PDB file of N, CA and C in Angstrom:
ATOM      1  N   MET A   1     -31.232 -74.452 109.186  1.00  0.00           N
ATOM      2  CA  MET A   1     -31.099 -75.683 109.947  1.00  0.00           C
ATOM      3  C   MET A   1     -32.353 -75.865 110.807  1.00  0.00           C
ATOM      4  N   SER A   2     -32.827 -77.084 110.916  1.00  0.00           N
ATOM      5  CA  SER A   2     -34.037 -77.356 111.691  1.00  0.00           C
ATOM      6  C   SER A   2     -33.730 -77.358 113.189  1.00  0.00           C
ATOM      7  N   PRO A   3     -34.740 -77.018 114.006  1.00  0.00           N
ATOM      8  CA  PRO A   3     -34.514 -77.023 115.462  1.00  0.00           C
ATOM      9  C   PRO A   3     -34.244 -78.438 115.957  1.00  0.00           C
ATOM     10  N   ARG A   4     -33.579 -78.528 117.077  1.00  0.00           N
ATOM     11  CA  ARG A   4     -33.259 -79.845 117.650  1.00  0.00           C
ATOM     12  C   ARG A   4     -34.538 -80.537 118.079  1.00  0.00           C
ATOM     13  N   THR A   5     -34.603 -81.800 117.830  1.00  0.00           N
ATOM     14  CA  THR A   5     -35.764 -82.573 118.241  1.00  0.00           C
ATOM     15  C   THR A   5     -35.387 -83.442 119.430  1.00  0.00           C
ATOM     16  N   GLY A   6     -36.398 -83.960 120.076  1.00  0.00           N
ATOM     17  CA  GLY A   6     -36.148 -84.832 121.218  1.00  0.00           C
ATOM     18  C   GLY A   6     -36.767 -84.272 122.476  1.00  0.00           C
ATOM     19  N   ARG A   7     -36.442 -84.914 123.540  1.00  0.00           N
ATOM     20  CA  ARG A   7     -36.995 -84.558 124.838  1.00  0.00           C
ATOM     21  C   ARG A   7     -36.395 -83.243 125.339  1.00  0.00           C
ATOM     22  N   PRO A   8     -37.232 -82.355 125.891  1.00  0.00           N
ATOM     23  CA  PRO A   8     -36.691 -81.100 126.436  1.00  0.00           C
ATOM     24  C   PRO A   8     -35.830 -81.356 127.672  1.00  0.00           C
ATOM     25  N   LYS A   9     -34.876 -80.487 127.904  1.00  0.00           N
ATOM     26  CA  LYS A   9     -33.988 -80.612 129.062  1.00  0.00           C
ATOM     27  C   LYS A   9     -34.776 -80.403 130.350  1.00  0.00           C
ATOM     28  N   SER A  10     -34.455 -81.209 131.355  1.00  0.00           N
ATOM     29  CA  SER A  10     -35.102 -81.112 132.660  1.00  0.00           C
ATOM     30  C   SER A  10     -34.432 -80.021 133.489  1.00  0.00           C
ATOM     31  N   GLU A  11     -35.207 -79.405 134.381  1.00  0.00           N
ATOM     32  CA  GLU A  11     -34.628 -78.413 135.288  1.00  0.00           C
ATOM     33  C   GLU A  11     -33.679 -79.069 136.287  1.00  0.00           C
ATOM     34  N   LYS A  12     -33.990 -80.301 136.679  1.00  0.00           N
ATOM     35  CA  LYS A  12     -33.156 -81.051 137.622  1.00  0.00           C
ATOM     36  C   LYS A  12     -32.804 -82.390 136.971  1.00  0.00           C
ATOM     37  N   PRO A  13     -31.800 -82.421 136.095  1.00  0.00           N
ATOM     38  CA  PRO A  13     -31.470 -83.679 135.428  1.00  0.00           C
ATOM     39  C   PRO A  13     -30.990 -84.741 136.425  1.00  0.00           C
ATOM     40  N   LEU A  14     -31.392 -85.970 136.183  1.00  0.00           N
ATOM     41  CA  LEU A  14     -31.007 -87.092 137.047  1.00  0.00           C
ATOM     42  C   LEU A  14     -29.761 -87.738 136.447  1.00  0.00           C
ATOM     43  N   ASN A  15     -28.598 -87.154 136.715  1.00  0.00           N
ATOM     44  CA  ASN A  15     -27.377 -87.619 136.082  1.00  0.00           C
ATOM     45  C   ASN A  15     -26.368 -88.234 137.051  1.00  0.00           C
ATOM     46  N   VAL A  16     -26.767 -88.467 138.297  1.00  0.00           N
ATOM     47  CA  VAL A  16     -25.887 -89.098 139.282  1.00  0.00           C
ATOM     48  C   VAL A  16     -26.373 -90.522 139.512  1.00  0.00           C
ATOM     49  N   GLU A  17     -25.462 -91.473 139.354  1.00  0.00           N
ATOM     50  CA  GLU A  17     -25.808 -92.883 139.527  1.00  0.00           C
ATOM     51  C   GLU A  17     -25.352 -93.354 140.906  1.00  0.00           C
ATOM     52  N   VAL A  18     -26.237 -94.076 141.610  1.00  0.00           N
ATOM     53  CA  VAL A  18     -25.929 -94.608 142.933  1.00  0.00           C
ATOM     54  C   VAL A  18     -26.030 -96.127 142.857  1.00  0.00           C
ATOM     55  N   LYS A  19     -25.025 -96.808 143.382  1.00  0.00           N
ATOM     56  CA  LYS A  19     -25.039 -98.275 143.387  1.00  0.00           C
ATOM     57  C   LYS A  19     -24.868 -98.771 144.815  1.00  0.00           C
ATOM     58  N   ALA A  20     -25.531 -99.878 145.123  1.00  0.00           N
ATOM     59  CA  ALA A  20     -25.405-100.481 146.448  1.00  0.00           C
ATOM     60  C   ALA A  20     -25.521-101.990 146.313  1.00  0.00           C
ATOM     61  N   ARG A  21     -24.795-102.697 147.130  1.00  0.00           N
ATOM     62  CA  ARG A  21     -24.889-104.157 147.159  1.00  0.00           C
ATOM     63  C   ARG A  21     -25.857-104.546 148.272  1.00  0.00           C
ATOM     64  N   ILE A  22     -26.792-105.447 147.938  1.00  0.00           N
ATOM     65  CA  ILE A  22     -27.744-105.940 148.932  1.00  0.00           C
ATOM     66  C   ILE A  22     -27.795-107.458 148.828  1.00  0.00           C
ATOM     67  N   ASP A  23     -28.236-108.107 149.907  1.00  0.00           N
ATOM     68  CA  ASP A  23     -28.320-109.567 149.877  1.00  0.00           C
ATOM     69  C   ASP A  23     -29.597-110.008 149.156  1.00  0.00           C
ATOM     70  N   THR A  24     -29.689-111.285 148.866  1.00  0.00           N
ATOM     71  CA  THR A  24     -30.815-111.801 148.088  1.00  0.00           C
ATOM     72  C   THR A  24     -32.143-111.652 148.825  1.00  0.00           C
ATOM     73  N   GLU A  25     -32.125-111.765 150.143  1.00  0.00           N
ATOM     74  CA  GLU A  25     -33.362-111.623 150.919  1.00  0.00           C
ATOM     75  C   GLU A  25     -33.917-110.203 150.807  1.00  0.00           C
ATOM     76  N   LEU A  26     -33.050-109.211 150.964  1.00  0.00           N
ATOM     77  CA  LEU A  26     -33.485-107.816 150.845  1.00  0.00           C
ATOM     78  C   LEU A  26     -33.930-107.510 149.410  1.00  0.00           C
ATOM     79  N   ASN A  27     -33.244-108.083 148.436  1.00  0.00           N
ATOM     80  CA  ASN A  27     -33.623-107.891 147.036  1.00  0.00           C
ATOM     81  C   ASN A  27     -35.014-108.455 146.768  1.00  0.00           C
ATOM     82  N   LYS A  28     -35.312-109.618 147.321  1.00  0.00           N
ATOM     83  CA  LYS A  28     -36.635-110.232 147.151  1.00  0.00           C
ATOM     84  C   LYS A  28     -37.713-109.355 147.785  1.00  0.00           C
ATOM     85  N   GLN A  29     -37.431-108.829 148.981  1.00  0.00           N
ATOM     86  CA  GLN A  29     -38.380-107.937 149.644  1.00  0.00           C
ATOM     87  C   GLN A  29     -38.608-106.677 148.814  1.00  0.00           C
ATOM     88  N   LEU A  30     -37.547-106.153 148.225  1.00  0.00           N
ATOM     89  CA  LEU A  30     -37.662-104.965 147.380  1.00  0.00           C
ATOM     90  C   LEU A  30     -38.495-105.255 146.137  1.00  0.00           C
ATOM     91  N   GLU A  31     -38.246-106.381 145.493  1.00  0.00           N
ATOM     92  CA  GLU A  31     -39.023-106.765 144.310  1.00  0.00           C
ATOM     93  C   GLU A  31     -40.500-106.936 144.649  1.00  0.00           C
ATOM     94  N   ASP A  32     -40.783-107.600 145.768  1.00  0.00           N
ATOM     95  CA  ASP A  32     -42.176-107.800 146.194  1.00  0.00           C
ATOM     96  C   ASP A  32     -42.864-106.465 146.464  1.00  0.00           C
ATOM     97  N   TYR A  33     -42.151-105.556 147.133  1.00  0.00           N
ATOM     98  CA  TYR A  33     -42.704-104.229 147.426  1.00  0.00           C
ATOM     99  C   TYR A  33     -43.021-103.492 146.127  1.00  0.00           C
ATOM    100  N   CYS A  34     -42.106-103.541 145.182  1.00  0.00           N
ATOM    101  CA  CYS A  34     -42.302-102.853 143.898  1.00  0.00           C
ATOM    102  C   CYS A  34     -43.509-103.409 143.152  1.00  0.00           C
ATOM    103  N   LEU A  35     -43.673-104.717 143.167  1.00  0.00           N
ATOM    104  CA  LEU A  35     -44.835-105.324 142.509  1.00  0.00           C
ATOM    105  C   LEU A  35     -46.128-104.923 143.212  1.00  0.00           C
ATOM    106  N   GLN A  36     -46.105-104.954 144.533  1.00  0.00           N
ATOM    107  CA  GLN A  36     -47.294-104.622 145.327  1.00  0.00           C
ATOM    108  C   GLN A  36     -47.704-103.164 145.129  1.00  0.00           C
ATOM    109  N   LYS A  37     -46.737-102.259 145.134  1.00  0.00           N
ATOM    110  CA  LYS A  37     -47.013-100.822 145.029  1.00  0.00           C
ATOM    111  C   LYS A  37     -47.016-100.324 143.581  1.00  0.00           C
ATOM    112  N   LYS A  38     -46.724-101.225 142.634  1.00  0.00           N
ATOM    113  CA  LYS A  38     -46.653-100.870 141.208  1.00  0.00           C
ATOM    114  C   LYS A  38     -45.725 -99.675 140.981  1.00  0.00           C
ATOM    115  N   THR A  39     -44.498 -99.822 141.459  1.00  0.00           N
ATOM    116  CA  THR A  39     -43.489 -98.775 141.321  1.00  0.00           C
ATOM    117  C   THR A  39     -42.165 -99.407 140.917  1.00  0.00           C
ATOM    118  N   THR A  40     -41.172 -98.585 140.660  1.00  0.00           N
ATOM    119  CA  THR A  40     -39.866 -99.092 140.249  1.00  0.00           C
ATOM    120  C   THR A  40     -38.906 -99.116 141.428  1.00  0.00           C
ATOM    121  N   ARG A  41     -37.850 -99.897 141.273  1.00  0.00           N
ATOM    122  CA  ARG A  41     -36.808 -99.946 142.297  1.00  0.00           C
ATOM    123  C   ARG A  41     -36.201 -98.556 142.491  1.00  0.00           C
ATOM    124  N   THR A  42     -36.007 -97.854 141.390  1.00  0.00           N
ATOM    125  CA  THR A  42     -35.419 -96.520 141.447  1.00  0.00           C
ATOM    126  C   THR A  42     -36.269 -95.574 142.280  1.00  0.00           C
ATOM    127  N   GLU A  43     -37.576 -95.603 142.075  1.00  0.00           N
ATOM    128  CA  GLU A  43     -38.466 -94.728 142.842  1.00  0.00           C
ATOM    129  C   GLU A  43     -38.446 -95.089 144.324  1.00  0.00           C
ATOM    130  N   VAL A  44     -38.364 -96.374 144.636  1.00  0.00           N
ATOM    131  CA  VAL A  44     -38.305 -96.802 146.043  1.00  0.00           C
ATOM    132  C   VAL A  44     -37.010 -96.307 146.684  1.00  0.00           C
ATOM    133  N   VAL A  45     -35.902 -96.405 145.969  1.00  0.00           N
ATOM    134  CA  VAL A  45     -34.620 -95.933 146.497  1.00  0.00           C
ATOM    135  C   VAL A  45     -34.659 -94.422 146.705  1.00  0.00           C
ATOM    136  N   ARG A  46     -35.186 -93.682 145.732  1.00  0.00           N
ATOM    137  CA  ARG A  46     -35.292 -92.223 145.880  1.00  0.00           C
ATOM    138  C   ARG A  46     -36.139 -91.860 147.099  1.00  0.00           C
ATOM    139  N   LYS A  47     -37.280 -92.551 147.255  1.00  0.00           N
ATOM    140  CA  LYS A  47     -38.161 -92.280 148.389  1.00  0.00           C
ATOM    141  C   LYS A  47     -37.453 -92.611 149.707  1.00  0.00           C
ATOM    142  N   GLY A  48     -36.720 -93.718 149.731  1.00  0.00           N
ATOM    143  CA  GLY A  48     -35.984 -94.106 150.934  1.00  0.00           C
ATOM    144  C   GLY A  48     -34.940 -93.078 151.330  1.00  0.00           C
ATOM    145  N   ILE A  49     -34.222 -92.551 150.352  1.00  0.00           N
ATOM    146  CA  ILE A  49     -33.221 -91.522 150.632  1.00  0.00           C
ATOM    147  C   ILE A  49     -33.894 -90.278 151.198  1.00  0.00           C
ATOM    148  N   LYS A  50     -35.009 -89.881 150.603  1.00  0.00           N
ATOM    149  CA  LYS A  50     -35.734 -88.700 151.088  1.00  0.00           C
ATOM    150  C   LYS A  50     -36.249 -88.914 152.508  1.00  0.00           C
ATOM    151  N   LEU A  51     -36.716 -90.132 152.811  1.00  0.00           N
ATOM    152  CA  LEU A  51     -37.195 -90.428 154.168  1.00  0.00           C
ATOM    153  C   LEU A  51     -36.059 -90.339 155.182  1.00  0.00           C
ATOM    154  N   VAL A  52     -34.909 -90.890 154.842  1.00  0.00           N
ATOM    155  CA  VAL A  52     -33.760 -90.862 155.747  1.00  0.00           C
ATOM    156  C   VAL A  52     -33.303 -89.429 155.998  1.00  0.00           C
ATOM    157  N   LEU A  53     -33.345 -88.600 154.963  1.00  0.00           N
ATOM    158  CA  LEU A  53     -32.902 -87.213 155.092  1.00  0.00           C
ATOM    159  C   LEU A  53     -33.975 -86.295 155.667  1.00  0.00           C
ATOM    160  N   GLY A  54     -35.180 -86.838 155.890  1.00  0.00           N
ATOM    161  CA  GLY A  54     -36.261 -86.042 156.452  1.00  0.00           C
ATOM    162  C   GLY A  54     -36.905 -85.104 155.448  1.00  0.00           C
ATOM    163  N   LEU A  55     -36.744 -85.397 154.161  1.00  0.00           N
ATOM    164  CA  LEU A  55     -37.309 -84.545 153.116  1.00  0.00           C
ATOM    165  C   LEU A  55     -38.713 -84.967 152.718  1.00  0.00           C
ATOM    166  N   GLU A  56     -39.150 -86.119 153.206  1.00  0.00           N
ATOM    167  CA  GLU A  56     -40.473 -86.635 152.853  1.00  0.00           C
ATOM    168  C   GLU A  56     -41.064 -87.323 154.069  1.00  0.00           C
ATOM    169  N   GLU A  57     -42.372 -87.159 154.243  1.00  0.00           N
ATOM    170  CA  GLU A  57     -43.052 -87.821 155.352  1.00  0.00           C
ATOM    171  C   GLU A  57     -43.292 -89.281 155.015  1.00  0.00           C
ATOM    172  N   ASN A  58     -43.281 -90.134 156.009  1.00  0.00           N
ATOM    173  CA  ASN A  58     -43.574 -91.550 155.820  1.00  0.00           C
ATOM    174  C   ASN A  58     -45.069 -91.714 155.602  1.00  0.00           C
ATOM    175  N   LYS A  59     -45.456 -92.168 154.429  1.00  0.00           N
ATOM    176  CA  LYS A  59     -46.879 -92.298 154.088  1.00  0.00           C
ATOM    177  C   LYS A  59     -47.300 -93.738 154.075  1.00  0.00           C
TER     178      LYS A  59
END
């Protein structure tokens, strides 16, 4: 039998989904920030959580 193909397993799989409701004004600000910084909404949310928890410095 051939070895399994595909992406290798991550040491820290991202398998927890977080959802939040935001108003249209905050959503527009988030979209503008993502375009300006050339990043994704997901990365901004992850960074925000780390900042709130003190796991990352504000850069």
